[in-house]
N, C-alpha and C. Protein backbone atom coordinates (compact mmCIF):
# COMPACT_ATOMS: atom_id res chain seq x y z
N UNK A 1 0.74 -1.32 -0.23
CA UNK A 1 -0.47 -0.05 -0.11
C UNK A 1 1.04 0.88 0.26
N UNK A 2 0.64 2.20 -0.71
CA UNK A 2 1.23 3.61 -0.78
C UNK A 2 0.81 4.45 0.08
N UNK A 3 1.93 5.11 0.49
CA UNK A 3 1.55 6.05 2.18
C UNK A 3 1.62 6.97 1.24
N UNK A 4 0.61 7.81 1.68
CA UNK A 4 0.00 9.10 1.38
C UNK A 4 0.72 10.46 2.53
N UNK A 5 0.61 9.67 3.60
CA UNK A 5 1.17 10.61 4.72
C UNK A 5 2.32 10.13 5.42
N UNK A 6 3.13 11.04 5.90
CA UNK A 6 4.56 10.30 6.57
C UNK A 6 3.92 10.26 7.95
N UNK A 7 4.63 9.01 8.96
CA UNK A 7 4.10 8.96 10.27
C UNK A 7 3.76 10.10 11.11
N UNK A 8 4.52 11.20 10.97
CA UNK A 8 4.15 12.18 11.86
C UNK A 8 3.31 12.88 11.42
N UNK A 9 2.59 13.24 10.15
CA UNK A 9 1.90 13.45 10.31
C UNK A 9 0.28 12.77 10.25
N UNK A 10 0.71 11.64 9.87
CA UNK A 10 -0.46 10.69 10.06
C UNK A 10 -0.82 10.81 11.81
N UNK A 11 -0.22 10.29 12.54
CA UNK A 11 -0.38 10.58 13.89
C UNK A 11 -1.05 11.76 14.21
N UNK A 12 -0.18 12.89 13.96
CA UNK A 12 -1.32 14.09 14.08
C UNK A 12 -2.79 14.31 13.69
N UNK A 13 -2.93 13.96 12.45
CA UNK A 13 -4.23 13.77 11.73
C UNK A 13 -4.96 13.02 12.36
N UNK A 14 -4.56 11.77 12.93
CA UNK A 14 -5.16 10.48 13.43
C UNK A 14 -5.86 11.15 14.92
N UNK A 15 -4.84 11.63 15.79
CA UNK A 15 -5.27 12.28 17.01
C UNK A 15 -6.34 13.31 17.16
N UNK A 16 -6.20 14.04 16.14
CA UNK A 16 -7.34 15.06 15.96
C UNK A 16 -8.64 14.55 15.29
N UNK A 17 -8.69 13.61 13.96
CA UNK A 17 -9.94 13.01 13.68
C UNK A 17 -10.55 12.42 15.03
N UNK A 18 -9.75 11.20 15.79
CA UNK A 18 -10.10 10.80 16.93
C UNK A 18 -10.78 11.54 17.70
N UNK A 19 -10.29 12.78 17.96
CA UNK A 19 -10.48 13.52 19.61
C UNK A 19 -12.20 14.31 19.02
N UNK A 20 -12.32 14.39 17.41
CA UNK A 20 -13.63 15.00 16.96
C UNK A 20 -14.53 14.05 17.28
N UNK A 21 -14.05 12.77 16.58
CA UNK A 21 -15.11 11.29 16.83
C UNK A 21 -15.85 11.00 17.95
N UNK A 22 -14.82 11.09 19.08
CA UNK A 22 -14.85 10.89 20.26
C UNK A 22 -15.93 12.06 21.37
N UNK A 23 -15.53 13.09 20.86
CA UNK A 23 -15.82 13.67 22.11
C UNK A 23 -16.40 15.37 21.47
N UNK A 24 -16.44 15.67 20.18
CA UNK A 24 -17.60 16.62 19.73
C UNK A 24 -18.70 16.61 19.78
N UNK A 25 -19.56 16.99 20.38
CA UNK A 25 -20.99 16.68 20.69
C UNK A 25 -21.91 17.59 19.79
N UNK A 26 -20.84 18.72 19.17
CA UNK A 26 -21.84 19.35 18.16
C UNK A 26 -21.53 19.00 16.74
N UNK A 27 -20.74 17.98 16.36
CA UNK A 27 -20.73 17.33 15.13
C UNK A 27 -21.89 16.77 14.79
N UNK A 28 -21.85 17.06 13.58
CA UNK A 28 -23.29 16.28 12.53
C UNK A 28 -23.32 14.78 13.01
N UNK A 29 -23.86 14.03 14.08
CA UNK A 29 -23.83 12.59 14.06
C UNK A 29 -24.77 12.06 14.27
N UNK A 30 -25.04 10.46 13.82
CA UNK A 30 -26.51 9.74 14.53
C UNK A 30 -25.99 9.80 15.60
N UNK A 31 -27.15 10.01 16.49
CA UNK A 31 -27.20 10.05 18.18
C UNK A 31 -27.03 8.82 18.81
N UNK A 32 -27.69 7.73 18.14
CA UNK A 32 -27.72 6.43 18.65
C UNK A 32 -26.63 5.40 18.10
N UNK A 33 -25.58 5.54 17.39
CA UNK A 33 -24.52 5.07 16.86
C UNK A 33 -23.10 5.88 17.30
N UNK A 34 -23.15 7.14 17.05
CA UNK A 34 -22.11 8.05 17.21
C UNK A 34 -21.54 8.17 16.01
N UNK A 35 -21.89 7.96 14.73
CA UNK A 35 -21.44 7.62 13.42
C UNK A 35 -21.46 9.32 12.65
N UNK A 36 -20.27 9.69 12.09
CA UNK A 36 -20.16 10.44 11.95
C UNK A 36 -20.29 10.67 10.15
N UNK A 37 -20.49 11.71 9.16
CA UNK A 37 -20.46 11.68 7.94
C UNK A 37 -19.27 11.72 7.49
N UNK A 38 -18.94 10.63 6.87
CA UNK A 38 -17.17 10.76 6.32
C UNK A 38 -16.74 11.51 5.41
N UNK A 39 -18.04 12.26 4.55
CA UNK A 39 -17.79 13.66 4.02
C UNK A 39 -17.19 14.84 4.66
N UNK A 40 -17.85 14.96 6.34
CA UNK A 40 -17.50 15.68 6.84
C UNK A 40 -16.12 15.94 7.46
N UNK A 41 -15.53 14.78 8.02
CA UNK A 41 -14.29 14.45 8.43
C UNK A 41 -13.38 14.65 6.97
N UNK A 42 -13.46 14.01 5.99
CA UNK A 42 -12.78 14.40 5.23
C UNK A 42 -12.18 16.07 4.54
N UNK A 43 -13.85 16.50 4.66
CA UNK A 43 -13.69 18.34 4.58
C UNK A 43 -12.58 19.21 5.21
N UNK A 44 -13.32 18.73 6.67
CA UNK A 44 -12.92 19.43 7.91
C UNK A 44 -11.21 18.99 8.27
N UNK A 45 -10.69 18.19 7.98
CA UNK A 45 -9.41 17.95 7.69
C UNK A 45 -8.64 17.55 6.48
N UNK A 46 -9.05 17.91 5.48
CA UNK A 46 -8.36 18.03 4.65
C UNK A 46 -7.49 17.15 4.18
N UNK A 47 -8.57 15.81 3.81
CA UNK A 47 -8.06 14.25 3.55
C UNK A 47 -8.67 14.12 2.46
N UNK A 48 -7.93 13.12 1.91
CA UNK A 48 -8.29 12.26 0.69
C UNK A 48 -9.02 11.28 1.22
N UNK A 49 -9.79 10.53 0.45
CA UNK A 49 -10.63 8.96 1.26
C UNK A 49 -9.24 8.14 0.97
N UNK A 50 -8.36 8.05 0.49
CA UNK A 50 -7.00 6.65 0.41
C UNK A 50 -6.38 7.60 2.19
N UNK A 51 -6.16 8.56 2.28
CA UNK A 51 -5.82 9.26 3.31
C UNK A 51 -6.13 8.58 4.53
N UNK A 52 -7.83 9.17 4.99
CA UNK A 52 -8.32 8.39 5.92
C UNK A 52 -8.40 7.33 5.97
N UNK A 53 -8.72 6.26 4.65
CA UNK A 53 -8.25 4.67 4.65
C UNK A 53 -6.95 4.92 5.48
N UNK A 54 -5.79 5.50 5.34
CA UNK A 54 -4.90 4.99 6.07
C UNK A 54 -5.17 4.82 7.78
N UNK A 55 -5.51 6.00 7.86
CA UNK A 55 -6.08 6.14 9.51
C UNK A 55 -6.91 5.11 9.90
N UNK A 56 -7.95 4.69 9.05
CA UNK A 56 -8.82 3.78 9.86
C UNK A 56 -8.44 2.57 9.75
N UNK A 57 -7.23 2.34 8.87
CA UNK A 57 -6.48 0.74 8.63
C UNK A 57 -4.81 1.25 9.15
N UNK A 58 -5.02 1.53 10.10
CA UNK A 58 -3.22 1.53 10.34
C UNK A 58 -2.64 0.43 10.26
N UNK A 59 -1.09 0.17 10.03
CA UNK A 59 -0.37 -0.55 10.23
C UNK A 59 -0.22 -1.44 11.54
N UNK A 60 -0.23 -0.47 12.04
CA UNK A 60 -0.09 -1.26 13.41
C UNK A 60 -1.18 -2.03 14.07
N UNK A 61 -1.95 -2.58 13.59
CA UNK A 61 -3.23 -3.11 13.56
C UNK A 61 -4.23 -2.51 15.06
N UNK A 62 -4.18 -1.15 15.43
CA UNK A 62 -4.98 -1.07 16.76
C UNK A 62 -6.01 0.37 16.03
N UNK A 63 -6.93 -0.49 15.32
CA UNK A 63 -7.91 0.27 14.68
C UNK A 63 -8.89 0.92 15.50
N UNK A 64 -8.59 2.32 15.35
CA UNK A 64 -9.12 3.51 16.47
C UNK A 64 -10.67 4.04 15.84
N UNK A 65 -10.75 3.53 14.49
CA UNK A 65 -11.99 4.12 14.03
C UNK A 65 -12.41 3.11 13.13
N UNK A 66 -13.93 2.91 12.86
CA UNK A 66 -14.13 2.30 11.94
C UNK A 66 -15.20 3.08 10.96
N UNK A 67 -15.73 1.86 9.76
CA UNK A 67 -16.41 2.75 9.06
C UNK A 67 -17.89 2.15 9.01
N UNK A 68 -18.98 2.15 8.69
CA UNK A 68 -20.30 1.75 8.34
C UNK A 68 -19.86 1.07 7.41
N UNK A 69 -20.74 -0.17 6.92
CA UNK A 69 -20.63 -0.77 5.78
C UNK A 69 -20.14 0.07 4.89
N UNK A 70 -20.93 0.67 4.19
CA UNK A 70 -20.95 1.59 3.14
C UNK A 70 -19.66 2.38 3.01
N UNK A 71 -19.41 2.99 3.98
CA UNK A 71 -18.20 3.75 3.95
C UNK A 71 -18.58 5.20 4.17
N UNK A 72 -19.77 5.29 4.07
CA UNK A 72 -20.18 6.71 3.57
C UNK A 72 -20.24 7.39 5.43
N UNK A 73 -20.19 6.71 6.44
CA UNK A 73 -20.21 7.26 7.48
C UNK A 73 -18.56 6.45 8.63
N UNK A 74 -18.54 7.23 9.90
CA UNK A 74 -17.04 6.71 10.47
C UNK A 74 -17.38 7.12 11.76
N UNK A 75 -16.91 6.57 12.45
CA UNK A 75 -16.77 6.90 14.34
C UNK A 75 -15.70 5.93 14.78
N UNK A 76 -15.56 6.78 16.31
CA UNK A 76 -14.03 5.96 17.20
C UNK A 76 -14.91 4.72 17.19
N UNK A 77 -13.60 3.85 17.60
CA UNK A 77 -14.29 2.26 18.07
C UNK A 77 -14.62 2.23 19.19
N UNK A 78 -13.93 3.25 20.23
CA UNK A 78 -14.21 3.19 21.70
C UNK A 78 -13.83 4.52 22.45
N UNK A 79 -14.35 5.01 23.82
CA UNK A 79 -13.75 6.12 24.19
C UNK A 79 -14.48 7.17 24.16
N UNK A 80 -15.51 7.28 23.99
CA UNK A 80 -16.71 8.34 23.40
C UNK A 80 -16.91 8.90 24.86
N UNK A 81 -16.96 10.38 25.00
CA UNK A 81 -17.48 10.87 26.01
C UNK A 81 -18.99 11.39 25.85
N UNK A 82 -19.18 11.33 24.00
CA UNK A 82 -20.50 12.01 23.67
C UNK A 82 -21.54 10.57 23.62
N UNK A 83 -22.96 10.89 23.59
CA UNK A 83 -24.07 9.85 23.65
C UNK A 83 -24.35 8.62 22.76
N UNK A 84 -24.28 7.64 23.04
CA UNK A 84 -24.13 6.97 22.26
C UNK A 84 -24.84 5.35 22.89
N UNK A 85 -25.44 4.87 21.87
CA UNK A 85 -26.20 3.68 22.84
C UNK A 85 -25.36 2.13 21.89
N UNK A 86 -24.64 1.36 23.35
CA UNK A 86 -23.68 0.40 22.91
C UNK A 86 -24.22 -0.83 21.99
N UNK A 87 -25.91 -0.76 22.39
CA UNK A 87 -26.45 -1.81 21.55
C UNK A 87 -26.54 -1.95 20.42
N UNK A 88 -26.59 -1.02 19.69
CA UNK A 88 -26.83 0.33 18.83
C UNK A 88 -25.47 -0.53 17.66
N UNK A 89 -24.33 -0.06 18.28
CA UNK A 89 -23.26 -0.13 17.46
C UNK A 89 -22.56 -1.76 17.75
N UNK A 90 -22.97 -2.40 18.76
CA UNK A 90 -22.44 -3.62 19.04
C UNK A 90 -22.64 -4.92 18.53
N UNK A 91 -21.97 -5.88 18.39
CA UNK A 91 -22.80 -7.46 18.36
C UNK A 91 -23.12 -7.61 19.71
N UNK A 92 -23.95 -8.42 20.06
CA UNK A 92 -23.89 -9.03 21.77
C UNK A 92 -23.37 -9.91 22.13
N UNK A 93 -22.83 -10.30 22.97
CA UNK A 93 -21.60 -11.44 23.27
C UNK A 93 -22.54 -12.11 24.34
N UNK A 94 -22.68 -13.72 24.18
CA UNK A 94 -23.58 -14.04 25.35
C UNK A 94 -22.52 -15.34 25.84
N UNK A 95 -21.76 -15.52 25.05
CA UNK A 95 -20.67 -16.90 25.42
C UNK A 95 -19.45 -16.14 25.36
N UNK A 96 -18.93 -16.36 26.09
CA UNK A 96 -17.35 -16.21 26.47
C UNK A 96 -16.08 -17.32 25.99
N UNK A 97 -16.74 -17.85 25.00
CA UNK A 97 -15.69 -18.10 24.37
C UNK A 97 -14.48 -17.31 23.66
N UNK A 98 -13.18 -18.10 23.97
CA UNK A 98 -12.30 -17.36 23.31
C UNK A 98 -11.75 -16.10 24.03
N UNK A 99 -12.72 -15.42 25.11
CA UNK A 99 -12.25 -14.68 25.51
C UNK A 99 -11.44 -14.98 26.86
N UNK A 100 -10.33 -15.21 26.89
CA UNK A 100 -9.41 -15.85 27.87
C UNK A 100 -8.53 -14.57 28.59
N UNK A 101 -8.88 -13.65 27.86
CA UNK A 101 -8.24 -12.82 28.50
C UNK A 101 -9.24 -11.05 28.56
N UNK A 102 -9.48 -10.31 29.57
CA UNK A 102 -10.67 -9.13 29.63
C UNK A 102 -9.69 -8.17 30.40
N UNK A 103 -9.58 -6.96 29.86
CA UNK A 103 -9.35 -6.17 30.83
C UNK A 103 -9.59 -4.64 30.92
N UNK A 104 -9.69 -3.86 31.70
CA UNK A 104 -9.97 -2.32 31.65
C UNK A 104 -8.74 -2.05 31.99
N UNK A 105 -8.37 -0.55 31.43
CA UNK A 105 -7.24 0.24 31.59
C UNK A 105 -7.51 1.37 32.75
N UNK A 106 -6.72 1.35 33.82
CA UNK A 106 -7.49 2.57 34.84
C UNK A 106 -6.26 3.22 35.25
N UNK A 107 -6.06 4.31 35.89
CA UNK A 107 -4.85 4.92 36.74
C UNK A 107 -4.58 5.05 38.11
N UNK A 108 -3.62 4.34 38.80
CA UNK A 108 -3.31 4.18 39.64
C UNK A 108 -4.17 4.62 40.50
N UNK A 109 -4.18 6.22 40.47
CA UNK A 109 -5.04 6.64 41.83
C UNK A 109 -6.46 6.18 41.95
N UNK A 110 -6.88 5.16 40.93
CA UNK A 110 -8.67 4.61 40.97
C UNK A 110 -8.35 3.40 41.39
N UNK A 111 -7.13 2.52 41.99
CA UNK A 111 -6.87 1.12 41.85
C UNK A 111 -8.14 0.79 43.22
N UNK A 112 -8.14 1.47 44.37
CA UNK A 112 -8.68 1.37 45.29
C UNK A 112 -9.98 1.18 45.29
N UNK A 113 -10.79 2.38 44.71
CA UNK A 113 -11.93 3.28 44.50
C UNK A 113 -12.61 1.87 43.44
N UNK A 114 -11.96 1.14 42.76
CA UNK A 114 -12.26 0.12 41.78
C UNK A 114 -12.47 -1.08 42.50
N UNK A 115 -11.40 -1.56 43.43
CA UNK A 115 -11.58 -2.47 44.21
C UNK A 115 -12.85 -2.72 45.12
N UNK A 116 -12.91 -1.58 45.61
CA UNK A 116 -14.38 -1.09 46.29
C UNK A 116 -15.37 -1.10 45.91
N UNK A 117 -15.77 -0.33 44.77
CA UNK A 117 -17.10 -0.35 44.22
C UNK A 117 -17.14 -0.82 42.54
N UNK A 118 -16.26 -1.38 42.10
CA UNK A 118 -16.26 -1.64 41.09
C UNK A 118 -15.97 -0.69 40.08
N UNK A 119 -16.40 -1.07 38.63
CA UNK A 119 -16.19 0.25 37.59
C UNK A 119 -17.44 0.57 37.20
N UNK A 120 -17.29 1.68 37.01
CA UNK A 120 -18.43 2.58 37.01
C UNK A 120 -18.53 3.50 35.48
N UNK A 121 -19.22 3.57 34.61
CA UNK A 121 -19.22 4.79 33.44
C UNK A 121 -18.44 6.31 34.22
N UNK A 122 -18.41 6.71 33.39
CA UNK A 122 -17.80 7.95 34.29
C UNK A 122 -18.01 9.03 33.22
N UNK A 123 -17.05 9.74 32.54
CA UNK A 123 -16.80 10.21 31.16
C UNK A 123 -17.62 10.01 29.96
N UNK A 124 -17.69 8.32 30.32
CA UNK A 124 -18.24 7.58 28.92
C UNK A 124 -19.78 7.17 28.86
N UNK A 125 -20.13 7.01 28.42
CA UNK A 125 -21.73 6.34 28.60
C UNK A 125 -21.71 4.57 28.48
N UNK A 126 -20.35 4.23 28.39
CA UNK A 126 -20.11 3.12 28.63
C UNK A 126 -19.00 2.52 29.34
N UNK A 127 -18.50 1.30 29.63
CA UNK A 127 -17.27 0.87 29.63
C UNK A 127 -16.51 0.00 28.66
N UNK A 128 -15.11 -0.21 28.55
CA UNK A 128 -14.86 -0.22 27.42
C UNK A 128 -13.49 -1.51 28.03
N UNK A 129 -13.37 -2.81 27.25
CA UNK A 129 -12.31 -3.42 27.93
C UNK A 129 -11.72 -4.25 26.08
N UNK A 130 -10.45 -4.60 26.50
CA UNK A 130 -9.61 -5.43 25.87
C UNK A 130 -9.44 -6.67 26.07
N UNK A 131 -9.06 -7.23 24.62
CA UNK A 131 -9.20 -8.79 24.89
C UNK A 131 -7.84 -9.10 24.79
N UNK A 132 -6.75 -8.35 24.87
CA UNK A 132 -5.40 -8.36 24.78
C UNK A 132 -4.01 -7.29 25.24
N UNK A 133 -3.23 -7.39 25.76
CA UNK A 133 -2.56 -6.30 26.67
C UNK A 133 -2.15 -5.55 25.62
N UNK A 134 -1.94 -6.15 24.03
CA UNK A 134 -1.46 -5.30 23.21
C UNK A 134 -2.06 -4.05 23.09
N UNK A 135 -3.52 -3.95 23.30
CA UNK A 135 -4.24 -3.06 23.12
C UNK A 135 -4.35 -2.28 24.41
N UNK A 136 -4.13 -1.94 25.15
CA UNK A 136 -4.05 -1.19 26.27
C UNK A 136 -3.85 0.19 25.61
N UNK A 137 -5.03 1.25 26.18
CA UNK A 137 -4.67 2.30 26.18
C UNK A 137 -3.39 2.97 26.31
N UNK A 138 -2.50 3.84 26.14
CA UNK A 138 -1.45 4.21 26.72
C UNK A 138 -1.40 5.08 28.08
N UNK A 139 -2.45 5.60 28.38
CA UNK A 139 -2.87 6.23 29.49
C UNK A 139 -3.00 5.33 30.85
N UNK A 140 -3.35 4.28 30.46
CA UNK A 140 -3.54 3.67 31.56
C UNK A 140 -2.95 2.91 32.15
N UNK A 141 -2.40 2.99 33.70
CA UNK A 141 -1.46 2.57 34.44
C UNK A 141 -1.66 1.21 35.09
N UNK A 142 -3.07 0.88 34.70
CA UNK A 142 -3.19 -0.89 35.58
C UNK A 142 -4.36 -1.64 34.67
N UNK A 143 -4.35 -2.34 34.83
CA UNK A 143 -5.25 -3.33 33.93
C UNK A 143 -6.19 -4.17 34.89
N UNK A 144 -7.52 -3.61 35.01
CA UNK A 144 -8.28 -4.18 35.63
C UNK A 144 -8.91 -5.70 35.13
N UNK A 145 -8.75 -6.90 35.14
CA UNK A 145 -9.01 -8.08 34.62
C UNK A 145 -10.73 -8.80 35.24
N UNK A 146 -11.35 -8.58 34.70
CA UNK A 146 -13.19 -9.25 34.95
C UNK A 146 -13.17 -10.85 34.59
N UNK A 147 -13.99 -11.60 35.08
CA UNK A 147 -14.05 -12.43 34.81
C UNK A 147 -15.33 -12.64 34.02
N UNK A 148 -15.19 -12.83 32.77
CA UNK A 148 -16.32 -12.25 32.01
C UNK A 148 -17.35 -13.60 32.04
N UNK A 149 -17.21 -14.25 32.01
CA UNK A 149 -18.01 -15.75 32.43
C UNK A 149 -18.72 -15.17 33.50
N UNK A 150 -18.66 -15.00 34.49
CA UNK A 150 -19.45 -14.83 35.81
C UNK A 150 -20.18 -13.85 35.50
N UNK A 151 -19.57 -12.75 35.02
CA UNK A 151 -20.32 -11.21 34.38
C UNK A 151 -21.36 -11.36 33.45
N UNK A 152 -21.35 -12.13 32.58
CA UNK A 152 -22.47 -12.70 31.60
C UNK A 152 -23.58 -13.61 32.37
N UNK A 153 -22.70 -14.84 32.84
CA UNK A 153 -23.91 -15.35 33.80
C UNK A 153 -24.79 -14.86 34.77
N UNK A 154 -23.99 -13.60 35.06
CA UNK A 154 -25.06 -12.59 36.17
C UNK A 154 -26.28 -12.48 35.39
N UNK A 155 -26.33 -12.11 34.14
CA UNK A 155 -27.00 -11.47 33.28
C UNK A 155 -26.69 -9.84 32.75
N UNK A 156 -25.20 -9.41 32.81
CA UNK A 156 -24.90 -8.35 32.65
C UNK A 156 -24.85 -8.44 30.64
N UNK A 157 -24.95 -7.56 30.00
CA UNK A 157 -24.55 -7.31 28.83
C UNK A 157 -23.57 -6.97 28.17
N UNK A 158 -22.69 -7.55 27.25
CA UNK A 158 -21.79 -7.49 26.54
C UNK A 158 -21.49 -7.28 25.19
N UNK A 159 -20.70 -6.26 24.61
CA UNK A 159 -20.97 -6.17 22.96
C UNK A 159 -19.40 -6.07 22.92
N UNK A 160 -19.54 -6.64 21.40
CA UNK A 160 -18.29 -6.19 20.44
C UNK A 160 -18.28 -5.08 19.72
N UNK A 161 -17.94 -4.50 20.30
CA UNK A 161 -17.95 -2.72 19.62
C UNK A 161 -16.67 -2.68 18.79
N UNK A 162 -15.97 -3.66 18.20
CA UNK A 162 -14.48 -2.89 17.08
C UNK A 162 -13.62 -3.98 17.41
N UNK A 163 -12.75 -4.26 16.59
CA UNK A 163 -11.19 -5.34 16.80
C UNK A 163 -10.81 -4.98 18.05
N UNK A 164 -11.00 -6.18 18.93
CA UNK A 164 -10.30 -6.35 19.86
C UNK A 164 -10.82 -5.18 20.97
N UNK A 165 -12.20 -4.64 20.74
CA UNK A 165 -12.61 -4.17 21.88
C UNK A 165 -14.26 -4.45 22.48
N UNK A 166 -14.35 -4.49 23.57
CA UNK A 166 -15.89 -4.80 23.90
C UNK A 166 -16.42 -3.71 24.69
N UNK A 167 -17.58 -3.87 24.82
CA UNK A 167 -18.27 -2.52 26.35
C UNK A 167 -19.31 -3.16 26.54
N UNK A 168 -19.71 -2.69 27.97
CA UNK A 168 -21.17 -2.67 28.42
C UNK A 168 -21.65 -1.29 29.13
N UNK A 169 -22.70 -1.38 28.83
CA UNK A 169 -23.63 -0.01 29.08
C UNK A 169 -23.97 0.18 30.86
N UNK A 170 -23.50 -1.25 31.06
CA UNK A 170 -23.80 -1.34 32.57
C UNK A 170 -22.68 -0.90 33.71
N UNK A 171 -22.80 -0.89 34.77
CA UNK A 171 -21.48 -0.80 35.96
C UNK A 171 -21.26 -2.25 35.97
N UNK A 172 -19.89 -2.47 36.30
CA UNK A 172 -19.33 -3.76 36.71
C UNK A 172 -18.97 -3.63 38.16
N UNK A 173 -19.57 -4.54 38.98
CA UNK A 173 -19.99 -4.80 40.51
C UNK A 173 -18.54 -5.28 40.77
N UNK A 174 -17.72 -4.68 41.80
CA UNK A 174 -16.67 -6.00 42.50
C UNK A 174 -16.56 -7.19 42.29
N UNK A 175 -17.19 -8.08 42.50
CA UNK A 175 -16.90 -9.18 42.88
C UNK A 175 -16.70 -9.92 41.34
N UNK A 176 -16.86 -9.28 40.19
CA UNK A 176 -16.55 -10.12 38.76
C UNK A 176 -15.09 -8.98 38.97
N UNK A 177 -14.55 -8.44 39.55
CA UNK A 177 -13.16 -8.11 39.02
C UNK A 177 -12.26 -9.36 39.86
N UNK A 178 -11.15 -9.82 39.16
CA UNK A 178 -10.28 -10.82 39.52
C UNK A 178 -9.16 -10.59 39.98
N UNK A 179 -8.42 -9.61 39.23
CA UNK A 179 -7.30 -8.99 39.83
C UNK A 179 -6.80 -7.68 38.62
N UNK A 180 -5.95 -6.76 39.96
CA UNK A 180 -5.80 -5.75 38.95
C UNK A 180 -3.92 -5.60 38.76
N UNK A 181 -3.48 -5.29 37.48
CA UNK A 181 -1.96 -5.42 37.46
C UNK A 181 -1.26 -4.59 36.88
C-alpha cells in the first residue's frame, strides 16, 4: 500500500480526527451510533479518501476508527464522551468462548476505589474492555481483569464494538474483578 502521509503527519491527523469523533458533541452525528458523515471528516481535516483509509486501517493493527458498511459514515471504535447506545453499535456477546483475556485500563489513583466499588461509566456512556494486553490504552497505568464468564452468567450485557474492543453499558460490580495488574 502506498503511503500518502509520513508517520508524523498521520499521527497528528489521527489524533485530531479521533478527538472529534469521540468528543465533539456539536458534530453532525447519528445520536444512537455516534457515526459522523465521512464527507465531513474529509472536508474538515483536508484528507483524501485514501489518506483517511490509512488512518482507519493503520499498519499497527490498533484500529481506533471504523467505517459503516458503505463507508459513508465513520466513528471512533471506543472512548466516546458523547452520547452513544452500545447495543446499536455492537454485536451482543452471550458466551465468553475465546475471551481468555479481558481487561479495562485505569489510573493507579483509581485502583482502591475500583476494588471497593467496581467499575462505573464516568465520562463515557459505557465501559470498554480489551481482549489482549497489546491493545491497552497508552494512558492506563493498570489493567483491571474481569471474570467475563461470571459477568455474563449474572445477566450483564456485553458487546463487541470493534476489533479487540468490547463494552458494557452497565456497571461492573467488584465481585467480577479478578485482579488488577
